[in-house]
Amino acid sequence: MAAELHVEMVAADRQVWSGKATLVVARTTSGDIGVMPGHQPLLGVLESGPVTIRTSEGTIVAAVHGGFISFSDDKLSLLAEIAELADEIDQQRAQRALERAQSESDAAAERRADVRLRALAVR
């Protein structure tokens, strides 16, 4: 059995996902980072982007919008302002939101919609 780390992904309004993983990849202000069991302790600021969680059963992808990542003693915490599992995202709705944000020149809304669509593409 491969070594695993415990992952908790929490948004401001709910627990998004919790479980065991072999690898988590997230975007931080310092760039993309991959965390595996035994990784050095870390604390970082999450950028908006897809987070990929590899488990023994498959891959879970979430669209994350800001927050923090911390790792210590094989426990990884993703504390996000907003987080949505790719399975929860409606592709047509996200595409309409992107088009609306572009037409209104709303950079923040455009970034959120783009991250949702990228999470679907990674899935």
Protein backbone atom coordinates (compact mmCIF):
# COMPACT_ATOMS: atom_id res chain seq x y z
CA MET A 1 0.00 0.00 0.00
CA ALA A 2 1.31 3.43 -0.94
CA ALA A 3 1.96 6.02 1.74
CA GLU A 4 -0.90 8.45 2.19
CA LEU A 5 -1.52 11.83 3.75
CA HIS A 6 -4.73 13.06 5.32
CA VAL A 7 -6.37 15.93 3.41
CA GLU A 8 -9.00 18.40 4.61
CA MET A 9 -10.40 20.90 2.10
CA VAL A 10 -12.61 23.48 3.78
CA ALA A 11 -14.35 26.52 2.30
CA ALA A 12 -15.72 29.43 4.29
CA ASP A 13 -19.18 27.85 4.26
CA ARG A 14 -18.54 24.08 4.42
CA GLN A 15 -16.22 21.12 4.45
CA VAL A 16 -15.63 20.36 0.76
CA TRP A 17 -13.63 17.12 0.94
CA SER A 18 -11.80 15.01 3.48
CA GLY A 19 -9.87 11.80 3.02
CA LYS A 20 -6.59 10.08 2.27
CA ALA A 21 -4.45 10.98 -0.75
CA THR A 22 -1.12 10.06 -2.28
CA LEU A 23 -0.56 13.46 -3.96
CA VAL A 24 -2.12 16.93 -3.88
CA VAL A 25 -1.24 19.61 -6.44
CA ALA A 26 -2.26 23.22 -5.80
CA ARG A 27 -1.36 26.69 -7.07
CA THR A 28 0.26 29.03 -4.54
CA THR A 29 1.63 32.55 -4.80
CA SER A 30 5.06 30.89 -5.21
CA GLY A 31 3.87 28.64 -8.06
CA ASP A 32 2.35 25.18 -8.33
CA ILE A 33 3.25 22.78 -5.54
CA GLY A 34 2.87 19.03 -5.22
CA VAL A 35 2.59 17.57 -1.74
CA MET A 36 3.20 13.89 -1.02
CA PRO A 37 3.52 11.99 2.26
CA GLY A 38 6.71 12.99 4.05
CA HIS A 39 6.85 16.47 2.48
CA GLN A 40 8.57 19.19 4.47
CA PRO A 41 6.17 21.29 6.59
CA LEU A 42 4.79 24.23 4.66
CA LEU A 43 2.45 27.17 4.91
CA GLY A 44 1.41 29.02 1.77
CA VAL A 45 -1.16 31.29 0.21
CA LEU A 46 -3.44 29.66 -2.37
CA GLU A 47 -4.01 31.33 -5.71
CA SER A 48 -7.19 30.75 -7.66
CA GLY A 49 -6.84 27.56 -9.65
CA PRO A 50 -7.66 23.88 -9.82
CA VAL A 51 -6.53 21.64 -6.97
CA THR A 52 -5.90 18.01 -7.90
CA ILE A 53 -6.12 15.29 -5.24
CA ARG A 54 -4.92 11.80 -6.19
CA THR A 55 -6.34 8.99 -4.11
CA SER A 56 -6.06 5.22 -4.36
CA GLU A 57 -9.56 5.26 -5.91
CA GLY A 58 -8.94 7.99 -8.50
CA THR A 59 -8.56 11.73 -8.93
CA ILE A 60 -10.61 14.52 -7.36
CA VAL A 61 -10.44 18.04 -8.78
CA ALA A 62 -11.72 21.23 -7.17
CA ALA A 63 -11.88 24.86 -8.26
CA VAL A 64 -10.33 26.87 -5.42
CA HIS A 65 -10.47 30.65 -5.11
CA GLY A 66 -7.92 31.96 -2.61
CA GLY A 67 -7.05 30.79 0.87
CA PHE A 68 -4.21 28.96 2.59
CA ILE A 69 -2.44 25.62 2.41
CA SER A 70 -0.59 24.04 5.31
CA PHE A 71 1.15 20.69 5.72
CA SER A 72 2.70 19.04 8.74
CA ASP A 73 2.91 15.46 10.06
CA ASP A 74 1.27 14.04 6.90
CA LYS A 75 -1.80 16.27 7.38
CA LEU A 76 -2.64 18.73 4.62
CA SER A 77 -5.19 21.51 5.13
CA LEU A 78 -6.61 23.58 2.29
CA LEU A 79 -8.54 26.50 3.76
CA ALA A 80 -10.24 28.22 0.83
CA GLU A 81 -12.36 31.31 0.53
CA ILE A 82 -14.43 29.44 -2.08
CA ALA A 83 -14.02 25.83 -3.22
CA GLU A 84 -16.15 23.65 -5.48
CA LEU A 85 -15.59 20.06 -6.51
CA ALA A 86 -15.51 19.70 -10.29
CA ASP A 87 -18.47 17.29 -10.04
CA GLU A 88 -20.53 20.15 -8.54
CA ILE A 89 -19.83 22.60 -11.38
CA ASP A 90 -22.37 23.10 -14.16
CA GLN A 91 -20.28 23.62 -17.31
CA GLN A 92 -22.91 25.60 -19.22
CA ARG A 93 -23.54 27.89 -16.26
CA ALA A 94 -19.79 28.46 -15.82
CA GLN A 95 -19.42 29.24 -19.54
CA ARG A 96 -22.30 31.77 -19.37
CA ALA A 97 -20.73 33.35 -16.26
CA LEU A 98 -17.41 33.69 -18.12
CA GLU A 99 -19.08 35.34 -21.12
CA ARG A 100 -21.06 37.71 -18.87
CA ALA A 101 -17.93 38.66 -16.91
CA GLN A 102 -16.02 39.32 -20.13
CA SER A 103 -18.79 41.52 -21.52
CA GLU A 104 -18.96 43.46 -18.22
CA SER A 105 -15.15 43.68 -17.90
CA ASP A 106 -15.38 42.09 -14.42
CA ALA A 107 -11.89 40.62 -13.97
CA ALA A 108 -12.64 38.91 -10.63
CA ALA A 109 -15.78 37.18 -11.95
CA GLU A 110 -13.93 36.24 -15.14
CA ARG A 111 -11.13 34.64 -13.08
CA ARG A 112 -13.64 32.64 -10.97
CA ALA A 113 -15.48 31.35 -14.05
CA ASP A 114 -12.20 30.50 -15.79
CA VAL A 115 -11.00 28.48 -12.77
CA ARG A 116 -14.28 26.55 -12.72
CA LEU A 117 -13.90 25.68 -16.40
CA ARG A 118 -10.24 24.69 -15.94
CA ALA A 119 -11.22 22.39 -13.06
CA LEU A 120 -13.67 20.66 -15.39
CA ALA A 121 -10.96 20.26 -18.04
CA VAL A 122 -8.54 18.66 -15.55
CA ARG A 123 -11.15 16.22 -14.29
